[in-house]
Amino acid sequence: MAAHANRKQYLQIFGILAVLTALEIAAVYMHLEKHTLVSALIALAVTKAAIVGLFYMHLKSETKILKASVAIPISLPAIYALVLIAEGAWRRLPW
């Protein structure tokens, strides 16, 4: 019985991921402004990554320290990218 429940949950998560992927594709064809498109795609990608981590990597039922040991290293490249973007914007200011 438990295997059947897991299969059902996995199929639901697969469906959610498929819908999010379809939203990503639709966002590209909606001719949004560049900043809006990039923000939407990043938000959808982060959402999909969180869903995969929580359900397929079984982090949903783990301890907080184990979740942090996965979340912190994954977030470091994003933080680094934001720092580089901010630094690049700072250098372009007309002084």
PDB file of N, CA and C in Angstrom:
ATOM      1  N   MET A   1       0.824  -1.193   0.000  1.00  0.00           N
ATOM      2  CA  MET A   1       0.000   0.000   0.000  1.00  0.00           C
ATOM      3  C   MET A   1       0.873   1.263   0.000  1.00  0.00           C
ATOM      4  N   ALA A   2       1.968   1.245   0.749  1.00  0.00           N
ATOM      5  CA  ALA A   2       2.824   2.423   0.825  1.00  0.00           C
ATOM      6  C   ALA A   2       3.486   2.710  -0.524  1.00  0.00           C
ATOM      7  N   ALA A   3       3.856   1.650  -1.246  1.00  0.00           N
ATOM      8  CA  ALA A   3       4.481   1.857  -2.556  1.00  0.00           C
ATOM      9  C   ALA A   3       3.500   2.523  -3.523  1.00  0.00           C
ATOM     10  N   HIS A   4       2.233   2.144  -3.428  1.00  0.00           N
ATOM     11  CA  HIS A   4       1.219   2.747  -4.289  1.00  0.00           C
ATOM     12  C   HIS A   4       1.055   4.232  -3.970  1.00  0.00           C
ATOM     13  N   ALA A   5       1.089   4.587  -2.693  1.00  0.00           N
ATOM     14  CA  ALA A   5       0.968   5.993  -2.303  1.00  0.00           C
ATOM     15  C   ALA A   5       2.173   6.781  -2.802  1.00  0.00           C
ATOM     16  N   ASN A   6       3.360   6.196  -2.711  1.00  0.00           N
ATOM     17  CA  ASN A   6       4.550   6.885  -3.210  1.00  0.00           C
ATOM     18  C   ASN A   6       4.475   7.087  -4.714  1.00  0.00           C
ATOM     19  N   ARG A   7       3.995   6.080  -5.426  1.00  0.00           N
ATOM     20  CA  ARG A   7       3.877   6.200  -6.880  1.00  0.00           C
ATOM     21  C   ARG A   7       2.895   7.314  -7.237  1.00  0.00           C
ATOM     22  N   LYS A   8       1.796   7.385  -6.522  1.00  0.00           N
ATOM     23  CA  LYS A   8       0.800   8.432  -6.772  1.00  0.00           C
ATOM     24  C   LYS A   8       1.404   9.812  -6.505  1.00  0.00           C
ATOM     25  N   GLN A   9       2.139   9.935  -5.402  1.00  0.00           N
ATOM     26  CA  GLN A   9       2.764  11.213  -5.066  1.00  0.00           C
ATOM     27  C   GLN A   9       3.816  11.586  -6.115  1.00  0.00           C
ATOM     28  N   TYR A  10       4.615  10.624  -6.549  1.00  0.00           N
ATOM     29  CA  TYR A  10       5.617  10.899  -7.566  1.00  0.00           C
ATOM     30  C   TYR A  10       4.980  11.353  -8.876  1.00  0.00           C
ATOM     31  N   LEU A  11       3.871  10.743  -9.244  1.00  0.00           N
ATOM     32  CA  LEU A  11       3.178  11.152 -10.463  1.00  0.00           C
ATOM     33  C   LEU A  11       2.588  12.558 -10.330  1.00  0.00           C
ATOM     34  N   GLN A  12       2.107  12.893  -9.136  1.00  0.00           N
ATOM     35  CA  GLN A  12       1.597  14.252  -8.905  1.00  0.00           C
ATOM     36  C   GLN A  12       2.733  15.267  -9.018  1.00  0.00           C
ATOM     37  N   ILE A  13       3.867  14.963  -8.422  1.00  0.00           N
ATOM     38  CA  ILE A  13       5.016  15.866  -8.487  1.00  0.00           C
ATOM     39  C   ILE A  13       5.497  15.987  -9.935  1.00  0.00           C
ATOM     40  N   PHE A  14       5.507  14.863 -10.658  1.00  0.00           N
ATOM     41  CA  PHE A  14       5.865  14.900 -12.075  1.00  0.00           C
ATOM     42  C   PHE A  14       4.926  15.825 -12.838  1.00  0.00           C
ATOM     43  N   GLY A  15       3.631  15.742 -12.551  1.00  0.00           N
ATOM     44  CA  GLY A  15       2.655  16.610 -13.203  1.00  0.00           C
ATOM     45  C   GLY A  15       2.899  18.078 -12.890  1.00  0.00           C
ATOM     46  N   ILE A  16       3.195  18.362 -11.634  1.00  0.00           N
ATOM     47  CA  ILE A  16       3.489  19.750 -11.239  1.00  0.00           C
ATOM     48  C   ILE A  16       4.728  20.260 -11.968  1.00  0.00           C
ATOM     49  N   LEU A  17       5.770  19.432 -12.032  1.00  0.00           N
ATOM     50  CA  LEU A  17       6.994  19.833 -12.736  1.00  0.00           C
ATOM     51  C   LEU A  17       6.731  20.034 -14.228  1.00  0.00           C
ATOM     52  N   ALA A  18       5.875  19.200 -14.809  1.00  0.00           N
ATOM     53  CA  ALA A  18       5.529  19.357 -16.226  1.00  0.00           C
ATOM     54  C   ALA A  18       4.788  20.671 -16.462  1.00  0.00           C
ATOM     55  N   VAL A  19       3.886  21.021 -15.556  1.00  0.00           N
ATOM     56  CA  VAL A  19       3.148  22.283 -15.682  1.00  0.00           C
ATOM     57  C   VAL A  19       4.106  23.471 -15.544  1.00  0.00           C
ATOM     58  N   LEU A  20       5.027  23.397 -14.594  1.00  0.00           N
ATOM     59  CA  LEU A  20       5.996  24.483 -14.428  1.00  0.00           C
ATOM     60  C   LEU A  20       6.884  24.615 -15.663  1.00  0.00           C
ATOM     61  N   THR A  21       7.255  23.493 -16.259  1.00  0.00           N
ATOM     62  CA  THR A  21       8.044  23.536 -17.491  1.00  0.00           C
ATOM     63  C   THR A  21       7.241  24.168 -18.623  1.00  0.00           C
ATOM     64  N   ALA A  22       5.974  23.828 -18.717  1.00  0.00           N
ATOM     65  CA  ALA A  22       5.113  24.436 -19.735  1.00  0.00           C
ATOM     66  C   ALA A  22       4.995  25.943 -19.500  1.00  0.00           C
ATOM     67  N   LEU A  23       4.928  26.358 -18.247  1.00  0.00           N
ATOM     68  CA  LEU A  23       4.879  27.793 -17.943  1.00  0.00           C
ATOM     69  C   LEU A  23       6.174  28.489 -18.364  1.00  0.00           C
ATOM     70  N   GLU A  24       7.303  27.808 -18.176  1.00  0.00           N
ATOM     71  CA  GLU A  24       8.573  28.389 -18.627  1.00  0.00           C
ATOM     72  C   GLU A  24       8.572  28.591 -20.137  1.00  0.00           C
ATOM     73  N   ILE A  25       8.121  27.591 -20.860  1.00  0.00           N
ATOM     74  CA  ILE A  25       8.080  27.695 -22.321  1.00  0.00           C
ATOM     75  C   ILE A  25       7.097  28.781 -22.742  1.00  0.00           C
ATOM     76  N   ALA A  26       5.947  28.843 -22.087  1.00  0.00           N
ATOM     77  CA  ALA A  26       4.949  29.867 -22.421  1.00  0.00           C
ATOM     78  C   ALA A  26       5.481  31.265 -22.125  1.00  0.00           C
ATOM     79  N   ALA A  27       6.241  31.410 -21.057  1.00  0.00           N
ATOM     80  CA  ALA A  27       6.781  32.720 -20.704  1.00  0.00           C
ATOM     81  C   ALA A  27       7.713  33.247 -21.786  1.00  0.00           C
ATOM     82  N   VAL A  28       8.459  32.356 -22.412  1.00  0.00           N
ATOM     83  CA  VAL A  28       9.383  32.773 -23.468  1.00  0.00           C
ATOM     84  C   VAL A  28       8.613  33.320 -24.668  1.00  0.00           C
ATOM     85  N   TYR A  29       7.480  32.714 -24.973  1.00  0.00           N
ATOM     86  CA  TYR A  29       6.700  33.134 -26.146  1.00  0.00           C
ATOM     87  C   TYR A  29       5.715  34.263 -25.851  1.00  0.00           C
ATOM     88  N   MET A  30       5.681  34.756 -24.623  1.00  0.00           N
ATOM     89  CA  MET A  30       4.757  35.841 -24.274  1.00  0.00           C
ATOM     90  C   MET A  30       5.330  37.216 -24.596  1.00  0.00           C
ATOM     91  N   HIS A  31       6.567  37.274 -25.053  1.00  0.00           N
ATOM     92  CA  HIS A  31       7.223  38.534 -25.425  1.00  0.00           C
ATOM     93  C   HIS A  31       7.201  39.535 -24.277  1.00  0.00           C
ATOM     94  N   LEU A  32       7.613  39.075 -23.120  1.00  0.00           N
ATOM     95  CA  LEU A  32       7.706  39.936 -21.947  1.00  0.00           C
ATOM     96  C   LEU A  32       8.972  40.772 -22.033  1.00  0.00           C
ATOM     97  N   GLU A  33       9.027  41.816 -21.195  1.00  0.00           N
ATOM     98  CA  GLU A  33      10.265  42.583 -21.110  1.00  0.00           C
ATOM     99  C   GLU A  33      11.367  41.661 -20.602  1.00  0.00           C
ATOM    100  N   LYS A  34      12.595  41.992 -20.963  1.00  0.00           N
ATOM    101  CA  LYS A  34      13.713  41.100 -20.638  1.00  0.00           C
ATOM    102  C   LYS A  34      13.838  40.860 -19.135  1.00  0.00           C
ATOM    103  N   HIS A  35      13.741  41.907 -18.336  1.00  0.00           N
ATOM    104  CA  HIS A  35      13.888  41.752 -16.888  1.00  0.00           C
ATOM    105  C   HIS A  35      12.757  40.908 -16.310  1.00  0.00           C
ATOM    106  N   THR A  36      11.564  41.116 -16.795  1.00  0.00           N
ATOM    107  CA  THR A  36      10.414  40.343 -16.321  1.00  0.00           C
ATOM    108  C   THR A  36      10.559  38.878 -16.699  1.00  0.00           C
ATOM    109  N   LEU A  37      10.986  38.631 -17.924  1.00  0.00           N
ATOM    110  CA  LEU A  37      11.172  37.255 -18.388  1.00  0.00           C
ATOM    111  C   LEU A  37      12.237  36.538 -17.571  1.00  0.00           C
ATOM    112  N   VAL A  38      13.362  37.206 -17.375  1.00  0.00           N
ATOM    113  CA  VAL A  38      14.446  36.588 -16.607  1.00  0.00           C
ATOM    114  C   VAL A  38      13.996  36.313 -15.175  1.00  0.00           C
ATOM    115  N   SER A  39      13.301  37.253 -14.567  1.00  0.00           N
ATOM    116  CA  SER A  39      12.808  37.059 -13.201  1.00  0.00           C
ATOM    117  C   SER A  39      11.825  35.899 -13.123  1.00  0.00           C
ATOM    118  N   ALA A  40      10.932  35.812 -14.091  1.00  0.00           N
ATOM    119  CA  ALA A  40       9.951  34.723 -14.111  1.00  0.00           C
ATOM    120  C   ALA A  40      10.631  33.380 -14.292  1.00  0.00           C
ATOM    121  N   LEU A  41      11.591  33.307 -15.205  1.00  0.00           N
ATOM    122  CA  LEU A  41      12.284  32.045 -15.444  1.00  0.00           C
ATOM    123  C   LEU A  41      13.113  31.619 -14.237  1.00  0.00           C
ATOM    124  N   ILE A  42      13.745  32.569 -13.578  1.00  0.00           N
ATOM    125  CA  ILE A  42      14.515  32.239 -12.379  1.00  0.00           C
ATOM    126  C   ILE A  42      13.587  31.740 -11.276  1.00  0.00           C
ATOM    127  N   ALA A  43      12.469  32.417 -11.077  1.00  0.00           N
ATOM    128  CA  ALA A  43      11.519  31.992 -10.044  1.00  0.00           C
ATOM    129  C   ALA A  43      10.988  30.584 -10.324  1.00  0.00           C
ATOM    130  N   LEU A  44      10.660  30.304 -11.575  1.00  0.00           N
ATOM    131  CA  LEU A  44      10.169  28.975 -11.921  1.00  0.00           C
ATOM    132  C   LEU A  44      11.255  27.918 -11.733  1.00  0.00           C
ATOM    133  N   ALA A  45      12.488  28.228 -12.100  1.00  0.00           N
ATOM    134  CA  ALA A  45      13.582  27.272 -11.949  1.00  0.00           C
ATOM    135  C   ALA A  45      13.868  26.983 -10.478  1.00  0.00           C
ATOM    136  N   VAL A  46      13.847  28.007  -9.648  1.00  0.00           N
ATOM    137  CA  VAL A  46      14.077  27.813  -8.216  1.00  0.00           C
ATOM    138  C   VAL A  46      12.945  26.985  -7.608  1.00  0.00           C
ATOM    139  N   THR A  47      11.727  27.243  -8.027  1.00  0.00           N
ATOM    140  CA  THR A  47      10.585  26.461  -7.548  1.00  0.00           C
ATOM    141  C   THR A  47      10.727  24.997  -7.943  1.00  0.00           C
ATOM    142  N   LYS A  48      11.094  24.749  -9.184  1.00  0.00           N
ATOM    143  CA  LYS A  48      11.266  23.372  -9.636  1.00  0.00           C
ATOM    144  C   LYS A  48      12.399  22.686  -8.874  1.00  0.00           C
ATOM    145  N   ALA A  49      13.502  23.383  -8.654  1.00  0.00           N
ATOM    146  CA  ALA A  49      14.628  22.801  -7.916  1.00  0.00           C
ATOM    147  C   ALA A  49      14.228  22.467  -6.483  1.00  0.00           C
ATOM    148  N   ALA A  50      13.441  23.344  -5.868  1.00  0.00           N
ATOM    149  CA  ALA A  50      12.987  23.080  -4.500  1.00  0.00           C
ATOM    150  C   ALA A  50      12.073  21.859  -4.453  1.00  0.00           C
ATOM    151  N   ILE A  51      11.193  21.737  -5.411  1.00  0.00           N
ATOM    152  CA  ILE A  51      10.286  20.583  -5.452  1.00  0.00           C
ATOM    153  C   ILE A  51      11.079  19.292  -5.637  1.00  0.00           C
ATOM    154  N   VAL A  52      12.036  19.310  -6.544  1.00  0.00           N
ATOM    155  CA  VAL A  52      12.864  18.117  -6.763  1.00  0.00           C
ATOM    156  C   VAL A  52      13.626  17.764  -5.502  1.00  0.00           C
ATOM    157  N   GLY A  53      14.218  18.760  -4.855  1.00  0.00           N
ATOM    158  CA  GLY A  53      14.964  18.503  -3.630  1.00  0.00           C
ATOM    159  C   GLY A  53      14.091  17.971  -2.512  1.00  0.00           C
ATOM    160  N   LEU A  54      12.923  18.554  -2.352  1.00  0.00           N
ATOM    161  CA  LEU A  54      12.049  18.149  -1.248  1.00  0.00           C
ATOM    162  C   LEU A  54      11.464  16.756  -1.443  1.00  0.00           C
ATOM    163  N   PHE A  55      11.059  16.437  -2.654  1.00  0.00           N
ATOM    164  CA  PHE A  55      10.339  15.184  -2.862  1.00  0.00           C
ATOM    165  C   PHE A  55      11.201  14.066  -3.424  1.00  0.00           C
ATOM    166  N   TYR A  56      11.983  14.334  -4.471  1.00  0.00           N
ATOM    167  CA  TYR A  56      12.769  13.258  -5.078  1.00  0.00           C
ATOM    168  C   TYR A  56      14.059  12.981  -4.310  1.00  0.00           C
ATOM    169  N   MET A  57      14.604  13.992  -3.640  1.00  0.00           N
ATOM    170  CA  MET A  57      15.778  13.769  -2.804  1.00  0.00           C
ATOM    171  C   MET A  57      15.374  13.495  -1.348  1.00  0.00           C
ATOM    172  N   HIS A  58      14.083  13.440  -1.095  1.00  0.00           N
ATOM    173  CA  HIS A  58      13.517  13.098   0.216  1.00  0.00           C
ATOM    174  C   HIS A  58      13.961  14.042   1.330  1.00  0.00           C
ATOM    175  N   LEU A  59      14.173  15.309   1.015  1.00  0.00           N
ATOM    176  CA  LEU A  59      14.569  16.275   2.031  1.00  0.00           C
ATOM    177  C   LEU A  59      13.383  16.780   2.846  1.00  0.00           C
ATOM    178  N   LYS A  60      12.184  16.532   2.379  1.00  0.00           N
ATOM    179  CA  LYS A  60      10.993  17.013   3.073  1.00  0.00           C
ATOM    180  C   LYS A  60      10.904  16.448   4.489  1.00  0.00           C
ATOM    181  N   SER A  61      11.322  15.207   4.663  1.00  0.00           N
ATOM    182  CA  SER A  61      11.192  14.554   5.969  1.00  0.00           C
ATOM    183  C   SER A  61      12.501  14.506   6.747  1.00  0.00           C
ATOM    184  N   GLU A  62      13.509  15.251   6.303  1.00  0.00           N
ATOM    185  CA  GLU A  62      14.803  15.234   6.988  1.00  0.00           C
ATOM    186  C   GLU A  62      14.893  16.331   8.040  1.00  0.00           C
ATOM    187  N   THR A  63      15.958  16.284   8.812  1.00  0.00           N
ATOM    188  CA  THR A  63      16.173  17.275   9.868  1.00  0.00           C
ATOM    189  C   THR A  63      16.571  18.620   9.259  1.00  0.00           C
ATOM    190  N   LYS A  64      16.446  19.663  10.061  1.00  0.00           N
ATOM    191  CA  LYS A  64      16.771  21.011   9.579  1.00  0.00           C
ATOM    192  C   LYS A  64      18.241  21.133   9.212  1.00  0.00           C
ATOM    193  N   ILE A  65      19.119  20.484   9.969  1.00  0.00           N
ATOM    194  CA  ILE A  65      20.552  20.593   9.686  1.00  0.00           C
ATOM    195  C   ILE A  65      20.900  19.946   8.348  1.00  0.00           C
ATOM    196  N   LEU A  66      20.246  18.842   8.028  1.00  0.00           N
ATOM    197  CA  LEU A  66      20.507  18.204   6.734  1.00  0.00           C
ATOM    198  C   LEU A  66      19.952  19.061   5.597  1.00  0.00           C
ATOM    199  N   LYS A  67      18.780  19.653   5.793  1.00  0.00           N
ATOM    200  CA  LYS A  67      18.229  20.556   4.782  1.00  0.00           C
ATOM    201  C   LYS A  67      19.167  21.740   4.560  1.00  0.00           C
ATOM    202  N   ALA A  68      19.712  22.283   5.651  1.00  0.00           N
ATOM    203  CA  ALA A  68      20.636  23.414   5.537  1.00  0.00           C
ATOM    204  C   ALA A  68      21.924  23.008   4.848  1.00  0.00           C
ATOM    205  N   SER A  69      22.388  21.778   5.090  1.00  0.00           N
ATOM    206  CA  SER A  69      23.627  21.323   4.451  1.00  0.00           C
ATOM    207  C   SER A  69      23.464  21.174   2.941  1.00  0.00           C
ATOM    208  N   VAL A  70      22.245  21.085   2.476  1.00  0.00           N
ATOM    209  CA  VAL A  70      21.984  21.042   1.040  1.00  0.00           C
ATOM    210  C   VAL A  70      21.667  22.448   0.522  1.00  0.00           C
ATOM    211  N   ALA A  71      20.865  23.200   1.249  1.00  0.00           N
ATOM    212  CA  ALA A  71      20.404  24.508   0.780  1.00  0.00           C
ATOM    213  C   ALA A  71      21.524  25.547   0.723  1.00  0.00           C
ATOM    214  N   ILE A  72      22.401  25.531   1.699  1.00  0.00           N
ATOM    215  CA  ILE A  72      23.462  26.553   1.743  1.00  0.00           C
ATOM    216  C   ILE A  72      24.420  26.426   0.558  1.00  0.00           C
ATOM    217  N   PRO A  73      24.985  25.254   0.288  1.00  0.00           N
ATOM    218  CA  PRO A  73      25.874  25.175  -0.885  1.00  0.00           C
ATOM    219  C   PRO A  73      25.172  25.469  -2.205  1.00  0.00           C
ATOM    220  N   ILE A  74      23.914  25.101  -2.320  1.00  0.00           N
ATOM    221  CA  ILE A  74      23.194  25.374  -3.558  1.00  0.00           C
ATOM    222  C   ILE A  74      22.963  26.873  -3.733  1.00  0.00           C
ATOM    223  N   SER A  75      22.764  27.603  -2.631  1.00  0.00           N
ATOM    224  CA  SER A  75      22.477  29.027  -2.726  1.00  0.00           C
ATOM    225  C   SER A  75      23.734  29.882  -2.904  1.00  0.00           C
ATOM    226  N   LEU A  76      24.905  29.361  -2.604  1.00  0.00           N
ATOM    227  CA  LEU A  76      26.125  30.164  -2.700  1.00  0.00           C
ATOM    228  C   LEU A  76      26.414  30.675  -4.114  1.00  0.00           C
ATOM    229  N   PRO A  77      26.272  29.883  -5.175  1.00  0.00           N
ATOM    230  CA  PRO A  77      26.497  30.461  -6.518  1.00  0.00           C
ATOM    231  C   PRO A  77      25.518  31.589  -6.850  1.00  0.00           C
ATOM    232  N   ALA A  78      24.292  31.488  -6.396  1.00  0.00           N
ATOM    233  CA  ALA A  78      23.323  32.557  -6.651  1.00  0.00           C
ATOM    234  C   ALA A  78      23.732  33.833  -5.917  1.00  0.00           C
ATOM    235  N   ILE A  79      24.164  33.690  -4.695  1.00  0.00           N
ATOM    236  CA  ILE A  79      24.620  34.854  -3.928  1.00  0.00           C
ATOM    237  C   ILE A  79      25.843  35.472  -4.603  1.00  0.00           C
ATOM    238  N   TYR A  80      26.772  34.630  -5.036  1.00  0.00           N
ATOM    239  CA  TYR A  80      27.967  35.111  -5.733  1.00  0.00           C
ATOM    240  C   TYR A  80      27.585  35.853  -7.010  1.00  0.00           C
ATOM    241  N   ALA A  81      26.631  35.332  -7.753  1.00  0.00           N
ATOM    242  CA  ALA A  81      26.183  35.989  -8.983  1.00  0.00           C
ATOM    243  C   ALA A  81      25.582  37.356  -8.668  1.00  0.00           C
ATOM    244  N   LEU A  82      24.780  37.439  -7.615  1.00  0.00           N
ATOM    245  CA  LEU A  82      24.199  38.730  -7.237  1.00  0.00           C
ATOM    246  C   LEU A  82      25.273  39.737  -6.847  1.00  0.00           C
ATOM    247  N   VAL A  83      26.295  39.286  -6.152  1.00  0.00           N
ATOM    248  CA  VAL A  83      27.400  40.174  -5.780  1.00  0.00           C
ATOM    249  C   VAL A  83      28.121  40.676  -7.029  1.00  0.00           C
ATOM    250  N   LEU A  84      28.361  39.783  -7.977  1.00  0.00           N
ATOM    251  CA  LEU A  84      29.026  40.200  -9.220  1.00  0.00           C
ATOM    252  C   LEU A  84      28.173  41.172 -10.026  1.00  0.00           C
ATOM    253  N   ILE A  85      26.878  40.936 -10.062  1.00  0.00           N
ATOM    254  CA  ILE A  85      25.984  41.848 -10.775  1.00  0.00           C
ATOM    255  C   ILE A  85      25.978  43.217 -10.106  1.00  0.00           C
ATOM    256  N   ALA A  86      25.903  43.224  -8.781  1.00  0.00           N
ATOM    257  CA  ALA A  86      25.918  44.498  -8.049  1.00  0.00           C
ATOM    258  C   ALA A  86      27.243  45.230  -8.266  1.00  0.00           C
ATOM    259  N   GLU A  87      28.340  44.500  -8.255  1.00  0.00           N
ATOM    260  CA  GLU A  87      29.639  45.118  -8.460  1.00  0.00           C
ATOM    261  C   GLU A  87      29.751  45.682  -9.871  1.00  0.00           C
ATOM    262  N   GLY A  88      29.252  44.949 -10.856  1.00  0.00           N
ATOM    263  CA  GLY A  88      29.266  45.447 -12.230  1.00  0.00           C
ATOM    264  C   GLY A  88      28.408  46.694 -12.392  1.00  0.00           C
ATOM    265  N   ALA A  89      27.261  46.712 -11.735  1.00  0.00           N
ATOM    266  CA  ALA A  89      26.390  47.892 -11.789  1.00  0.00           C
ATOM    267  C   ALA A  89      27.059  49.074 -11.100  1.00  0.00           C
ATOM    268  N   TRP A  90      27.752  48.815 -10.018  1.00  0.00           N
ATOM    269  CA  TRP A  90      28.444  49.872  -9.279  1.00  0.00           C
ATOM    270  C   TRP A  90      29.515  50.506 -10.149  1.00  0.00           C
ATOM    271  N   ARG A  91      30.244  49.705 -10.884  1.00  0.00           N
ATOM    272  CA  ARG A  91      31.315  50.220 -11.747  1.00  0.00           C
ATOM    273  C   ARG A  91      30.770  51.038 -12.913  1.00  0.00           C
ATOM    274  N   ARG A  92      29.539  50.790 -13.322  1.00  0.00           N
ATOM    275  CA  ARG A  92      28.973  51.510 -14.453  1.00  0.00           C
ATOM    276  C   ARG A  92      28.338  52.837 -14.052  1.00  0.00           C
ATOM    277  N   LEU A  93      28.268  53.107 -12.746  1.00  0.00           N
ATOM    278  CA  LEU A  93      27.703  54.378 -12.310  1.00  0.00           C
ATOM    279  C   LEU A  93      28.586  55.532 -12.787  1.00  0.00           C
ATOM    280  N   PRO A  94      27.959  56.613 -13.235  1.00  0.00           N
ATOM    281  CA  PRO A  94      28.745  57.768 -13.724  1.00  0.00           C
ATOM    282  C   PRO A  94      29.290  58.582 -12.546  1.00  0.00           C
ATOM    283  N   TRP A  95      30.549  58.399 -12.255  1.00  0.00           N
ATOM    284  CA  TRP A  95      31.164  59.137 -11.144  1.00  0.00           C
ATOM    285  C   TRP A  95      31.860  60.337 -11.661  1.00  0.00           C
TER     286      TRP A  95
END
